[in-house]
């Protein structure tokens, strides 16, 4: 399966200090993909979710710069990433700060992959 990106939130704001009404669009994306993991000599496909933030700088209606950053394969639980994206949107987090804000959560959520593999083994 190829990665799907679903835009959950978007906002537009004026960029301080720039003349002529320059603006930036912020887009907060849910990344959805499947990952194949080898577990006890068996290949298992698990759902994976991540986040991407895109900032498009606009001069009038023309995009002159795009910044983006993402964290793929954060967790196997969609609801966790949806809640995270809502917090990122509410706090207008930029692509430059995504890793600073969400990197520690990605580290914590690694155990979600173990949980799903253990659930599969128990069946």
Foldseek 3Di string as FASTA:
>chain_A
DDKDKDWDDKDKDFDPPDPQGKIKIKTKIKIWDWDWDQDPNDTDIAIFIWIKIKIFIDRPNDTDDIDMAMDTRQARDRVVRVVVSVVCVVVVPHRVCCCVVCVVSSVVRPCRVVVVVVVVVVD
